[in-house]
Amino acid sequence: MKKKFLLGGVLAMGALIYAACGEQQAQQPLADAAISNDSLVKHGQYLVNVMGCGDCHSPKMMGPQGPMIDPDRILSGHPAEQPLGKIDPAVLQSWVLFNHSQTATVGPWGVSFSANITGDSTGIGAWTEEQFIRAMREGKYKGLPEGRPLLPPMPWQNFAGMKDIDLKSIYLYLKSTKPVKNVVPSAIPPAMPGK
């Protein structure tokens, strides 16, 4: 009787381990270089959504429950025509401020604007995959080797350790998005003392 109970327990434990391994394997990120472009694009869309890229890179409009992403300008960055409000420098001693759309941020580094990451030429449409990966791994502006550092709040350090296949998927998805023409303003350096 004890042998049957022990054998049943071992079989049950084996089944649980097998099920857990199968479930964990299903959640593994893409790893096969022979995966279709469509699968990579879908995986990239999934990653962009769960990472919340649109939270900062998409202009907002007021909806019934407050600010919501403008469906015509998804991932197009800070709108070129949108002026900044007046900034009280005294507040910046204790705070970092976002505009109502979360596409412009002001802090000790100056003012930074969320980039256009759509497939348009004013976005990342002309970027190479190498540029995109350099921007995400090294925090280089436009992925250029001699580019200035990406400014806060872009959390590129969080993405630096991503697998190549994940970054490739994000790149392919962003290149496939609806192109939105929007030349994002240049970053504004912090005001010099006495100015």
C-alpha atoms as a PDB file:
ATOM      1  CA  MET A   1       0.000   0.000   0.000  1.00  0.00           C
ATOM      2  CA  LYS A   2       2.837   2.375   0.900  1.00  0.00           C
ATOM      3  CA  LYS A   3       4.550   1.580  -2.431  1.00  0.00           C
ATOM      4  CA  LYS A   4       1.386   2.446  -4.395  1.00  0.00           C
ATOM      5  CA  PHE A   5       0.981   5.687  -2.429  1.00  0.00           C
ATOM      6  CA  LEU A   6       4.657   6.602  -2.983  1.00  0.00           C
ATOM      7  CA  LEU A   7       4.465   5.711  -6.692  1.00  0.00           C
ATOM      8  CA  GLY A   8       1.267   7.782  -7.062  1.00  0.00           C
ATOM      9  CA  GLY A   9       2.949  10.725  -5.346  1.00  0.00           C
ATOM     10  CA  VAL A  10       6.012  10.490  -7.595  1.00  0.00           C
ATOM     11  CA  LEU A  11       3.823  10.310 -10.727  1.00  0.00           C
ATOM     12  CA  ALA A  12       1.729  13.278  -9.566  1.00  0.00           C
ATOM     13  CA  MET A  13       4.875  15.315  -8.839  1.00  0.00           C
ATOM     14  CA  GLY A  14       6.274  14.385 -12.257  1.00  0.00           C
ATOM     15  CA  ALA A  15       3.044  15.484 -13.949  1.00  0.00           C
ATOM     16  CA  LEU A  16       3.139  18.827 -12.105  1.00  0.00           C
ATOM     17  CA  ILE A  17       6.770  19.415 -13.085  1.00  0.00           C
ATOM     18  CA  TYR A  18       6.016  18.493 -16.703  1.00  0.00           C
ATOM     19  CA  ALA A  19       3.016  20.852 -16.784  1.00  0.00           C
ATOM     20  CA  ALA A  20       4.989  23.681 -15.183  1.00  0.00           C
ATOM     21  CA  CYS A  21       7.874  23.278 -17.626  1.00  0.00           C
ATOM     22  CA  GLY A  22       5.498  23.218 -20.587  1.00  0.00           C
ATOM     23  CA  GLU A  23       3.757  26.372 -19.352  1.00  0.00           C
ATOM     24  CA  GLN A  24       7.067  28.141 -18.711  1.00  0.00           C
ATOM     25  CA  GLN A  25       8.340  27.188 -22.149  1.00  0.00           C
ATOM     26  CA  ALA A  26       5.224  28.644 -23.785  1.00  0.00           C
ATOM     27  CA  GLN A  27       5.984  32.003 -22.138  1.00  0.00           C
ATOM     28  CA  GLN A  28       9.625  32.113 -23.302  1.00  0.00           C
ATOM     29  CA  PRO A  29      10.442  35.006 -25.670  1.00  0.00           C
ATOM     30  CA  LEU A  30      11.060  34.297 -29.338  1.00  0.00           C
ATOM     31  CA  ALA A  31      14.478  32.793 -29.934  1.00  0.00           C
ATOM     32  CA  ASP A  32      14.512  31.177 -33.388  1.00  0.00           C
ATOM     33  CA  ALA A  33      16.104  33.297 -36.119  1.00  0.00           C
ATOM     34  CA  ALA A  34      13.907  31.535 -38.698  1.00  0.00           C
ATOM     35  CA  ILE A  35      10.670  32.991 -37.307  1.00  0.00           C
ATOM     36  CA  SER A  36       8.524  34.786 -39.884  1.00  0.00           C
ATOM     37  CA  ASN A  37       8.502  38.571 -40.089  1.00  0.00           C
ATOM     38  CA  ASP A  38       4.767  38.552 -39.296  1.00  0.00           C
ATOM     39  CA  SER A  39       5.448  36.701 -36.046  1.00  0.00           C
ATOM     40  CA  LEU A  40       8.244  39.116 -35.175  1.00  0.00           C
ATOM     41  CA  VAL A  41       5.995  42.123 -35.865  1.00  0.00           C
ATOM     42  CA  LYS A  42       3.228  40.649 -33.667  1.00  0.00           C
ATOM     43  CA  HIS A  43       5.733  39.961 -30.902  1.00  0.00           C
ATOM     44  CA  GLY A  44       7.041  43.535 -31.258  1.00  0.00           C
ATOM     45  CA  GLN A  45       3.499  44.909 -30.979  1.00  0.00           C
ATOM     46  CA  TYR A  46       2.991  42.848 -27.821  1.00  0.00           C
ATOM     47  CA  LEU A  47       6.241  44.167 -26.306  1.00  0.00           C
ATOM     48  CA  VAL A  48       5.498  47.811 -27.198  1.00  0.00           C
ATOM     49  CA  ASN A  49       2.074  47.478 -25.574  1.00  0.00           C
ATOM     50  CA  VAL A  50       3.186  45.769 -22.365  1.00  0.00           C
ATOM     51  CA  MET A  51       6.190  48.085 -21.976  1.00  0.00           C
ATOM     52  CA  GLY A  52       3.870  51.095 -22.215  1.00  0.00           C
ATOM     53  CA  CYS A  53       5.793  52.883 -24.984  1.00  0.00           C
ATOM     54  CA  GLY A  54       2.620  54.716 -26.003  1.00  0.00           C
ATOM     55  CA  ASP A  55       2.273  56.225 -22.531  1.00  0.00           C
ATOM     56  CA  CYS A  56       5.019  58.744 -23.345  1.00  0.00           C
ATOM     57  CA  HIS A  57       5.370  58.518 -27.123  1.00  0.00           C
ATOM     58  CA  SER A  58       1.683  59.083 -27.974  1.00  0.00           C
ATOM     59  CA  PRO A  59      -0.068  62.470 -27.742  1.00  0.00           C
ATOM     60  CA  LYS A  60      -3.235  62.485 -25.646  1.00  0.00           C
ATOM     61  CA  MET A  61      -6.659  64.014 -26.025  1.00  0.00           C
ATOM     62  CA  MET A  62      -9.302  64.486 -23.357  1.00  0.00           C
ATOM     63  CA  GLY A  63     -11.862  61.696 -23.194  1.00  0.00           C
ATOM     64  CA  PRO A  64     -14.751  60.888 -20.850  1.00  0.00           C
ATOM     65  CA  GLN A  65     -12.338  59.352 -18.312  1.00  0.00           C
ATOM     66  CA  GLY A  66      -9.518  61.868 -18.704  1.00  0.00           C
ATOM     67  CA  PRO A  67      -6.520  61.865 -21.037  1.00  0.00           C
ATOM     68  CA  MET A  68      -6.480  59.083 -23.626  1.00  0.00           C
ATOM     69  CA  ILE A  69      -4.159  58.315 -26.516  1.00  0.00           C
ATOM     70  CA  ASP A  70      -5.069  60.185 -29.696  1.00  0.00           C
ATOM     71  CA  PRO A  71      -5.782  57.323 -32.133  1.00  0.00           C
ATOM     72  CA  ASP A  72      -4.625  59.406 -35.125  1.00  0.00           C
ATOM     73  CA  ARG A  73      -1.198  60.114 -33.596  1.00  0.00           C
ATOM     74  CA  ILE A  74      -0.196  56.869 -31.879  1.00  0.00           C
ATOM     75  CA  LEU A  75       3.563  56.742 -31.165  1.00  0.00           C
ATOM     76  CA  SER A  76       4.188  60.038 -33.018  1.00  0.00           C
ATOM     77  CA  GLY A  77       5.938  61.777 -30.101  1.00  0.00           C
ATOM     78  CA  HIS A  78       5.473  65.299 -28.805  1.00  0.00           C
ATOM     79  CA  PRO A  79       3.354  67.283 -31.276  1.00  0.00           C
ATOM     80  CA  ALA A  80       5.507  69.910 -32.995  1.00  0.00           C
ATOM     81  CA  GLU A  81       2.695  72.472 -32.815  1.00  0.00           C
ATOM     82  CA  GLN A  82       1.981  72.009 -29.095  1.00  0.00           C
ATOM     83  CA  PRO A  83       3.443  74.859 -27.009  1.00  0.00           C
ATOM     84  CA  LEU A  84       4.852  74.321 -23.552  1.00  0.00           C
ATOM     85  CA  GLY A  85       3.239  76.004 -20.598  1.00  0.00           C
ATOM     86  CA  LYS A  86       5.106  78.393 -18.369  1.00  0.00           C
ATOM     87  CA  ILE A  87       7.629  76.586 -16.193  1.00  0.00           C
ATOM     88  CA  ASP A  88       8.440  77.848 -12.702  1.00  0.00           C
ATOM     89  CA  PRO A  89      12.176  77.146 -12.208  1.00  0.00           C
ATOM     90  CA  ALA A  90      11.741  77.204  -8.419  1.00  0.00           C
ATOM     91  CA  VAL A  91       9.518  74.119  -8.620  1.00  0.00           C
ATOM     92  CA  LEU A  92      12.239  72.221 -10.482  1.00  0.00           C
ATOM     93  CA  GLN A  93      14.413  72.181  -7.376  1.00  0.00           C
ATOM     94  CA  SER A  94      12.095  69.493  -5.995  1.00  0.00           C
ATOM     95  CA  TRP A  95      10.105  68.172  -8.940  1.00  0.00           C
ATOM     96  CA  VAL A  96      10.265  66.774 -12.442  1.00  0.00           C
ATOM     97  CA  LEU A  97       7.236  67.886 -14.467  1.00  0.00           C
ATOM     98  CA  PHE A  98       5.352  66.302 -17.370  1.00  0.00           C
ATOM     99  CA  ASN A  99       2.977  68.153 -19.680  1.00  0.00           C
ATOM    100  CA  HIS A 100      -0.670  66.991 -19.734  1.00  0.00           C
ATOM    101  CA  SER A 101       0.087  64.630 -22.636  1.00  0.00           C
ATOM    102  CA  GLN A 102       3.199  63.084 -21.039  1.00  0.00           C
ATOM    103  CA  THR A 103       5.135  63.893 -24.207  1.00  0.00           C
ATOM    104  CA  ALA A 104       7.290  66.687 -22.740  1.00  0.00           C
ATOM    105  CA  THR A 105       9.255  66.532 -19.501  1.00  0.00           C
ATOM    106  CA  VAL A 106      11.232  69.200 -17.688  1.00  0.00           C
ATOM    107  CA  GLY A 107      13.857  68.588 -15.029  1.00  0.00           C
ATOM    108  CA  PRO A 108      17.457  69.432 -14.153  1.00  0.00           C
ATOM    109  CA  TRP A 109      18.542  68.238 -17.641  1.00  0.00           C
ATOM    110  CA  GLY A 110      16.294  70.833 -19.332  1.00  0.00           C
ATOM    111  CA  VAL A 111      13.252  69.935 -21.421  1.00  0.00           C
ATOM    112  CA  SER A 112      13.009  66.637 -23.288  1.00  0.00           C
ATOM    113  CA  PHE A 113      10.383  65.657 -25.816  1.00  0.00           C
ATOM    114  CA  SER A 114       9.166  62.141 -26.610  1.00  0.00           C
ATOM    115  CA  ALA A 115      10.412  61.016 -30.003  1.00  0.00           C
ATOM    116  CA  ASN A 116       8.292  60.107 -32.991  1.00  0.00           C
ATOM    117  CA  ILE A 117       8.754  56.338 -33.229  1.00  0.00           C
ATOM    118  CA  THR A 118       6.342  55.687 -36.116  1.00  0.00           C
ATOM    119  CA  GLY A 119       7.477  54.390 -39.495  1.00  0.00           C
ATOM    120  CA  ASP A 120       7.485  57.938 -40.947  1.00  0.00           C
ATOM    121  CA  SER A 121      10.760  59.518 -42.099  1.00  0.00           C
ATOM    122  CA  THR A 122      10.268  62.115 -39.330  1.00  0.00           C
ATOM    123  CA  GLY A 123      10.194  59.163 -36.929  1.00  0.00           C
ATOM    124  CA  ILE A 124      12.303  56.016 -37.212  1.00  0.00           C
ATOM    125  CA  GLY A 125      11.344  55.328 -40.833  1.00  0.00           C
ATOM    126  CA  ALA A 126      14.892  55.900 -42.087  1.00  0.00           C
ATOM    127  CA  TRP A 127      16.641  54.251 -39.126  1.00  0.00           C
ATOM    128  CA  THR A 128      18.550  51.029 -39.562  1.00  0.00           C
ATOM    129  CA  GLU A 129      18.044  48.136 -37.177  1.00  0.00           C
ATOM    130  CA  GLU A 130      21.586  48.805 -35.911  1.00  0.00           C
ATOM    131  CA  GLN A 131      20.656  52.412 -35.030  1.00  0.00           C
ATOM    132  CA  PHE A 132      17.555  51.278 -33.174  1.00  0.00           C
ATOM    133  CA  ILE A 133      19.452  48.684 -31.164  1.00  0.00           C
ATOM    134  CA  ARG A 134      22.205  51.191 -30.334  1.00  0.00           C
ATOM    135  CA  ALA A 135      19.596  53.679 -29.093  1.00  0.00           C
ATOM    136  CA  MET A 136      17.986  51.038 -26.890  1.00  0.00           C
ATOM    137  CA  ARG A 137      21.224  49.450 -25.617  1.00  0.00           C
ATOM    138  CA  GLU A 138      23.558  52.438 -25.376  1.00  0.00           C
ATOM    139  CA  GLY A 139      21.097  55.314 -24.979  1.00  0.00           C
ATOM    140  CA  LYS A 140      22.360  57.174 -28.058  1.00  0.00           C
ATOM    141  CA  TYR A 141      20.146  59.840 -29.688  1.00  0.00           C
ATOM    142  CA  LYS A 142      18.835  58.534 -33.034  1.00  0.00           C
ATOM    143  CA  GLY A 143      21.117  55.544 -32.510  1.00  0.00           C
ATOM    144  CA  LEU A 144      24.086  57.471 -33.859  1.00  0.00           C
ATOM    145  CA  PRO A 145      27.475  56.386 -32.453  1.00  0.00           C
ATOM    146  CA  GLU A 146      28.430  59.999 -31.661  1.00  0.00           C
ATOM    147  CA  GLY A 147      24.867  61.021 -30.704  1.00  0.00           C
ATOM    148  CA  ARG A 148      24.128  62.777 -27.447  1.00  0.00           C
ATOM    149  CA  PRO A 149      22.744  60.653 -24.609  1.00  0.00           C
ATOM    150  CA  LEU A 150      18.999  60.019 -24.568  1.00  0.00           C
ATOM    151  CA  LEU A 151      17.445  62.247 -21.940  1.00  0.00           C
ATOM    152  CA  PRO A 152      15.122  61.339 -19.095  1.00  0.00           C
ATOM    153  CA  PRO A 153      12.536  60.020 -18.755  1.00  0.00           C
ATOM    154  CA  MET A 154      13.456  57.554 -21.559  1.00  0.00           C
ATOM    155  CA  PRO A 155      14.280  54.397 -19.576  1.00  0.00           C
ATOM    156  CA  TRP A 156      16.707  52.940 -22.120  1.00  0.00           C
ATOM    157  CA  GLN A 157      18.734  51.338 -19.310  1.00  0.00           C
ATOM    158  CA  ASN A 158      15.725  49.085 -18.638  1.00  0.00           C
ATOM    159  CA  PHE A 159      15.825  47.830 -22.220  1.00  0.00           C
ATOM    160  CA  ALA A 160      19.619  47.525 -22.630  1.00  0.00           C
ATOM    161  CA  GLY A 161      19.637  43.863 -21.597  1.00  0.00           C
ATOM    162  CA  MET A 162      16.804  42.759 -23.884  1.00  0.00           C
ATOM    163  CA  LYS A 163      17.444  39.845 -26.204  1.00  0.00           C
ATOM    164  CA  ASP A 164      18.338  40.669 -29.802  1.00  0.00           C
ATOM    165  CA  ILE A 165      15.173  38.972 -31.066  1.00  0.00           C
ATOM    166  CA  ASP A 166      13.003  41.178 -28.817  1.00  0.00           C
ATOM    167  CA  LEU A 167      14.675  44.397 -29.977  1.00  0.00           C
ATOM    168  CA  LYS A 168      14.420  43.245 -33.608  1.00  0.00           C
ATOM    169  CA  SER A 169      10.718  42.522 -33.066  1.00  0.00           C
ATOM    170  CA  ILE A 170      10.102  45.978 -31.593  1.00  0.00           C
ATOM    171  CA  TYR A 171      12.006  47.595 -34.451  1.00  0.00           C
ATOM    172  CA  LEU A 172      10.038  45.689 -37.104  1.00  0.00           C
ATOM    173  CA  TYR A 173       6.743  46.521 -35.420  1.00  0.00           C
ATOM    174  CA  LEU A 174       7.546  50.238 -35.123  1.00  0.00           C
ATOM    175  CA  LYS A 175       8.620  50.352 -38.778  1.00  0.00           C
ATOM    176  CA  SER A 176       5.267  48.755 -39.696  1.00  0.00           C
ATOM    177  CA  THR A 177       3.163  51.310 -37.818  1.00  0.00           C
ATOM    178  CA  LYS A 178       1.089  53.978 -39.518  1.00  0.00           C
ATOM    179  CA  PRO A 179       3.538  56.741 -40.486  1.00  0.00           C
ATOM    180  CA  VAL A 180       2.686  60.009 -38.752  1.00  0.00           C
ATOM    181  CA  LYS A 181       4.534  63.106 -39.970  1.00  0.00           C
ATOM    182  CA  ASN A 182       5.695  65.016 -36.891  1.00  0.00           C
ATOM    183  CA  VAL A 183       9.052  66.719 -36.437  1.00  0.00           C
ATOM    184  CA  VAL A 184       9.498  66.660 -32.666  1.00  0.00           C
ATOM    185  CA  PRO A 185      11.156  69.789 -31.191  1.00  0.00           C
ATOM    186  CA  SER A 186      14.799  69.593 -30.166  1.00  0.00           C
ATOM    187  CA  ALA A 187      15.624  69.165 -26.494  1.00  0.00           C
ATOM    188  CA  ILE A 188      16.069  72.413 -24.589  1.00  0.00           C
ATOM    189  CA  PRO A 189      19.139  72.569 -22.334  1.00  0.00           C
ATOM    190  CA  PRO A 190      18.707  73.754 -18.748  1.00  0.00           C
ATOM    191  CA  ALA A 191      18.642  77.525 -18.273  1.00  0.00           C
ATOM    192  CA  MET A 192      22.052  78.881 -17.395  1.00  0.00           C
ATOM    193  CA  PRO A 193      22.326  80.621 -13.985  1.00  0.00           C
ATOM    194  CA  GLY A 194      21.752  84.346 -14.288  1.00  0.00           C
ATOM    195  CA  LYS A 195      19.683  84.097 -17.501  1.00  0.00           C
END
